[in-house]
Amino acid sequence: MKPLLVCTDFDGTLTEEDSSAPLAPGFFQWLHSAREKGGVSWAVATGRSWEGLREALLHHHAPVFPEWIVTVEREIHRVRDREAVPVEEWNRACTEVHEALFGRHSAILERIEKEVGSHEDVTVIPDAGAIGLVVDSPAGIAHAEKKVREILKDRPEIHTVRNGPYFRFAHADYHKGSCLGHVQKLLDLGPASTFIAGDNLNDLSMLTRRYGRYLACPSNSHEDVLTQVKKEGGYLARTPGGTGIAEALNHFFC
């Protein structure tokens, strides 16, 4: 048995600490072997922009590009000839929803910028149509998490997307999980045919049985990711990064 859709995060999930090391050779060996036996699509769901992901794939000499990408955790693209082709209907709706969201809650974003950004370890940056936060210390992260939770407690339509020191704000209906669900719809596939792997907090939305029967995370994953993947009956790899994802794929499908 093998999946027809393999969805991975990129940074920390396929990459490892040594940026000069080859990118996830075991993962690409598995992908090549699986494709010789049948059709397997690879999707990357990332917080990066397309330009940032493309640059990273080229930098790491990725032997192939994914067929599908989710960028900034909420936009979907099909990849052809190493170029991204937007899924227009989804991305248009996503843009409209977020423009309306950030317009309605401009005062809230200003409050976050003022009250959270006042901490010496917090930097406020422009990000994906709104603002984002970059936090340089555990104390700054604790401050940002607490204040953002307080400010947004009565506004469930806004959720915080966090990846390490980065905080992003988005509509609660748009995240890696909902994007993956739409890709499945376009491919006419379901969770039973999907493998999903991630390592950080922004991957939690897709690391559920709602989207994939086969779930995994590398050993370098955030504690919350390890906990959720274990709870969902997924595979906790003993090795980090792409080595761990290859380990998980071989566990499930070899």
Protein backbone atom coordinates (compact mmCIF):
# COMPACT_ATOMS: atom_id res chain seq x y z
CA MET A 1 0.00 0.00 0.00
CA LYS A 2 1.19 3.53 -0.77
CA PRO A 3 -0.31 7.01 -0.70
CA LEU A 4 -1.30 8.86 -3.83
CA LEU A 5 -0.65 12.25 -2.21
CA VAL A 6 2.41 13.00 -0.08
CA CYS A 7 2.21 16.37 1.66
CA THR A 8 5.20 17.75 3.59
CA ASP A 9 6.21 20.94 5.25
CA PHE A 10 9.61 22.21 4.06
CA ASP A 11 11.76 23.97 6.68
CA GLY A 12 12.63 21.61 9.53
CA THR A 13 10.65 18.77 7.97
CA LEU A 14 12.74 18.11 4.86
CA THR A 15 15.67 20.38 5.72
CA GLU A 16 18.11 19.80 8.54
CA GLU A 17 20.46 22.04 10.55
CA ASP A 18 23.35 21.67 8.10
CA SER A 19 22.18 23.85 5.20
CA SER A 20 25.03 22.58 3.01
CA ALA A 21 23.92 18.94 3.31
CA PRO A 22 21.95 17.36 0.44
CA LEU A 23 18.22 17.90 0.75
CA ALA A 24 16.47 14.81 2.13
CA PRO A 25 18.12 12.19 -0.12
CA GLY A 26 16.18 9.35 1.50
CA PHE A 27 12.89 11.15 0.87
CA PHE A 28 13.65 11.65 -2.82
CA GLN A 29 14.84 8.05 -3.17
CA TRP A 30 11.52 6.88 -1.75
CA LEU A 31 9.57 9.26 -4.00
CA HIS A 32 11.43 8.09 -7.12
CA SER A 33 10.87 4.43 -6.24
CA ALA A 34 7.17 4.98 -5.46
CA ARG A 35 6.63 6.78 -8.75
CA GLU A 36 8.11 3.88 -10.66
CA LYS A 37 5.34 1.72 -9.21
CA GLY A 38 2.47 4.17 -9.70
CA GLY A 39 1.27 7.75 -9.55
CA VAL A 40 2.30 9.74 -6.47
CA SER A 41 1.84 13.50 -6.18
CA TRP A 42 4.03 15.55 -3.86
CA ALA A 43 2.73 18.73 -2.23
CA VAL A 44 4.68 21.16 -0.05
CA ALA A 45 2.75 23.24 2.48
CA THR A 46 4.93 26.08 3.76
CA GLY A 47 4.87 29.47 5.40
CA ARG A 48 7.23 30.74 2.72
CA SER A 49 6.21 32.68 -0.35
CA TRP A 50 6.60 30.92 -3.71
CA GLU A 51 9.72 32.95 -4.43
CA GLY A 52 11.23 31.95 -1.09
CA LEU A 53 10.38 28.28 -1.55
CA ARG A 54 11.68 28.20 -5.12
CA GLU A 55 14.94 29.81 -4.02
CA ALA A 56 15.31 27.24 -1.23
CA LEU A 57 14.60 24.29 -3.54
CA LEU A 58 17.21 25.54 -5.99
CA HIS A 59 19.70 26.29 -3.21
CA HIS A 60 19.36 22.75 -1.88
CA HIS A 61 19.53 21.25 -5.41
CA ALA A 62 16.19 19.49 -5.06
CA PRO A 63 16.12 16.79 -7.76
CA VAL A 64 12.44 17.44 -8.45
CA PHE A 65 9.92 20.12 -7.55
CA PRO A 66 6.56 19.37 -5.92
CA GLU A 67 3.46 19.28 -8.12
CA TRP A 68 1.48 21.34 -5.61
CA ILE A 69 2.44 24.03 -3.13
CA VAL A 70 0.64 25.85 -0.36
CA THR A 71 2.38 29.18 0.26
CA VAL A 72 2.08 31.62 3.21
CA GLU A 73 0.00 28.85 4.78
CA ARG A 74 -3.09 29.75 2.75
CA GLU A 75 -2.57 30.10 -1.02
CA ILE A 76 -2.53 27.15 -3.43
CA HIS A 77 -0.50 26.75 -6.62
CA ARG A 78 0.08 24.02 -9.15
CA VAL A 79 3.72 23.73 -10.24
CA ARG A 80 4.53 23.29 -13.92
CA ASP A 81 8.05 23.49 -15.35
CA ARG A 82 9.29 24.73 -11.97
CA GLU A 83 6.92 27.71 -12.06
CA ALA A 84 3.85 28.27 -9.87
CA VAL A 85 0.41 28.50 -11.47
CA PRO A 86 -2.14 29.90 -8.99
CA VAL A 87 -5.36 28.03 -8.27
CA GLU A 88 -7.34 31.14 -9.16
CA GLU A 89 -10.71 30.40 -7.59
CA TRP A 90 -9.21 29.51 -4.19
CA ASN A 91 -6.62 32.29 -4.14
CA ARG A 92 -9.11 34.96 -5.24
CA ALA A 93 -11.51 34.00 -2.46
CA CYS A 94 -8.61 33.84 0.02
CA THR A 95 -7.49 37.37 -0.91
CA GLU A 96 -11.00 38.78 -0.66
CA VAL A 97 -11.63 37.14 2.72
CA HIS A 98 -8.39 38.44 4.17
CA GLU A 99 -8.79 41.95 2.81
CA ALA A 100 -12.22 42.10 4.46
CA LEU A 101 -10.91 40.53 7.68
CA PHE A 102 -8.00 42.91 8.06
CA GLY A 103 -10.21 45.85 7.11
CA ARG A 104 -12.77 44.98 9.80
CA HIS A 105 -10.10 44.47 12.40
CA SER A 106 -7.60 47.18 11.55
CA ALA A 107 -7.92 48.59 15.08
CA ILE A 108 -7.10 45.17 16.53
CA LEU A 109 -3.99 44.89 14.39
CA GLU A 110 -2.95 48.36 15.50
CA ARG A 111 -3.43 47.31 19.11
CA ILE A 112 -1.29 44.20 18.56
CA GLU A 113 1.38 46.33 16.93
CA LYS A 114 1.37 48.76 19.87
CA GLU A 115 0.97 46.42 22.84
CA VAL A 116 2.85 43.35 21.62
CA GLY A 117 5.41 45.18 19.53
CA SER A 118 6.44 47.31 22.50
CA HIS A 119 8.46 44.41 23.93
CA GLU A 120 12.18 44.85 23.27
CA ASP A 121 12.48 41.39 21.70
CA VAL A 122 9.49 41.74 19.37
CA THR A 123 9.77 43.22 15.87
CA VAL A 124 6.64 44.10 13.88
CA ILE A 125 6.92 43.49 10.12
CA PRO A 126 4.59 43.79 7.11
CA ASP A 127 3.30 40.30 6.34
CA ALA A 128 0.80 38.77 3.89
CA GLY A 129 -1.57 41.72 3.76
CA ALA A 130 -1.33 42.59 7.45
CA ILE A 131 1.38 42.61 10.09
CA GLY A 132 3.55 39.83 11.44
CA LEU A 133 5.76 39.46 14.49
CA VAL A 134 9.32 38.23 14.77
CA VAL A 135 10.36 37.39 18.32
CA ASP A 136 13.96 36.98 19.44
CA SER A 137 13.72 35.31 22.85
CA PRO A 138 11.67 32.86 24.92
CA ALA A 139 10.56 35.78 27.11
CA GLY A 140 9.42 37.67 24.04
CA ILE A 141 7.52 34.64 22.74
CA ALA A 142 5.77 34.20 26.10
CA HIS A 143 4.85 37.90 26.10
CA ALA A 144 3.58 37.79 22.51
CA GLU A 145 1.53 34.62 23.02
CA LYS A 146 -0.13 35.98 26.16
CA LYS A 147 -0.95 39.42 24.79
CA VAL A 148 -2.16 38.16 21.41
CA ARG A 149 -4.40 35.60 23.12
CA GLU A 150 -5.91 38.35 25.29
CA ILE A 151 -6.48 40.71 22.38
CA LEU A 152 -8.05 38.07 20.11
CA LYS A 153 -10.04 36.14 22.72
CA ASP A 154 -13.43 37.42 21.48
CA ARG A 155 -12.54 37.30 17.78
CA PRO A 156 -12.56 33.63 16.78
CA GLU A 157 -12.44 34.39 13.06
CA ILE A 158 -8.82 35.54 13.44
CA HIS A 159 -6.25 32.90 14.29
CA THR A 160 -2.55 33.12 14.96
CA VAL A 161 -0.22 31.06 12.81
CA ARG A 162 3.07 30.49 14.56
CA ASN A 163 6.26 28.93 13.25
CA GLY A 164 9.17 29.22 15.66
CA PRO A 165 9.80 32.95 16.25
CA TYR A 166 7.32 34.05 13.55
CA PHE A 167 3.70 35.04 14.19
CA ARG A 168 1.22 35.54 11.33
CA PHE A 169 -2.49 36.41 11.45
CA ALA A 170 -5.08 34.84 9.18
CA HIS A 171 -8.76 33.98 8.81
CA ALA A 172 -9.61 30.89 10.83
CA ASP A 173 -10.88 29.07 7.71
CA TYR A 174 -7.56 29.36 5.86
CA HIS A 175 -4.63 27.23 7.00
CA LYS A 176 -2.48 24.35 5.77
CA GLY A 177 -5.19 21.85 6.60
CA SER A 178 -7.98 23.53 4.64
CA CYS A 179 -5.62 24.10 1.71
CA LEU A 180 -4.63 20.44 1.69
CA GLY A 181 -8.31 19.51 1.78
CA HIS A 182 -8.86 21.60 -1.37
CA VAL A 183 -5.92 19.96 -3.14
CA GLN A 184 -7.44 16.59 -2.28
CA LYS A 185 -10.72 17.75 -3.79
CA LEU A 186 -8.97 18.82 -7.01
CA LEU A 187 -7.23 15.43 -7.22
CA ASP A 188 -10.38 13.52 -6.21
CA LEU A 189 -8.48 11.92 -3.33
CA GLY A 190 -9.32 11.51 0.32
CA PRO A 191 -7.53 11.10 3.65
CA ALA A 192 -7.11 7.34 3.10
CA SER A 193 -4.74 8.11 0.21
CA THR A 194 -2.74 10.87 1.93
CA PHE A 195 0.52 10.98 3.89
CA ILE A 196 1.25 14.21 5.83
CA ALA A 197 4.44 15.27 7.61
CA GLY A 198 5.36 18.42 9.54
CA ASP A 199 7.46 19.62 12.44
CA ASN A 200 6.21 22.98 13.72
CA LEU A 201 3.14 24.70 15.12
CA ASN A 202 1.89 25.92 11.74
CA ASP A 203 1.63 22.26 10.67
CA LEU A 204 -0.83 21.25 13.38
CA SER A 205 -3.87 22.13 11.27
CA MET A 206 -3.01 19.47 8.68
CA LEU A 207 -1.57 16.82 11.00
CA THR A 208 -4.94 15.22 11.72
CA ARG A 209 -6.87 12.17 10.55
CA ARG A 210 -9.35 14.57 8.98
CA TYR A 211 -6.82 15.09 6.18
CA GLY A 212 -4.53 12.08 6.24
CA ARG A 213 -4.52 8.47 7.34
CA TYR A 214 -0.73 8.45 7.47
CA LEU A 215 0.76 11.14 9.73
CA ALA A 216 4.39 11.64 10.71
CA CYS A 217 6.88 14.06 12.20
CA PRO A 218 10.69 14.07 12.46
CA SER A 219 12.49 13.86 15.80
CA ASN A 220 13.29 17.60 15.78
CA SER A 221 9.58 18.51 15.90
CA HIS A 222 8.03 20.96 18.34
CA GLU A 223 6.71 19.25 21.47
CA ASP A 224 3.10 20.09 20.55
CA VAL A 225 3.56 18.43 17.17
CA LEU A 226 5.02 15.28 18.73
CA THR A 227 2.06 15.16 21.12
CA GLN A 228 -0.57 15.62 18.42
CA VAL A 229 0.93 13.15 15.96
CA LYS A 230 1.15 10.53 18.72
CA LYS A 231 -2.45 11.23 19.75
CA GLU A 232 -3.61 10.86 16.13
CA GLY A 233 -1.88 7.50 15.83
CA GLY A 234 0.88 8.76 13.56
CA TYR A 235 4.57 7.93 13.38
CA LEU A 236 7.20 9.72 15.46
CA ALA A 237 10.48 9.32 13.62
CA ARG A 238 13.67 8.61 15.53
CA THR A 239 15.71 10.81 13.19
CA PRO A 240 15.45 14.52 12.23
CA GLY A 241 14.39 16.36 9.09
CA GLY A 242 14.17 14.58 5.76
CA THR A 243 15.87 11.50 7.17
CA GLY A 244 12.98 11.15 9.59
CA ILE A 245 10.39 11.59 6.83
CA ALA A 246 12.04 8.87 4.75
CA GLU A 247 12.00 6.70 7.87
CA ALA A 248 8.25 7.32 8.26
CA LEU A 249 7.48 6.60 4.60
CA ASN A 250 9.40 3.34 4.74
CA HIS A 251 7.60 2.45 7.99
CA PHE A 252 4.18 2.90 6.39
CA PHE A 253 4.76 1.72 2.85
CA CYS A 254 7.65 -0.73 2.68
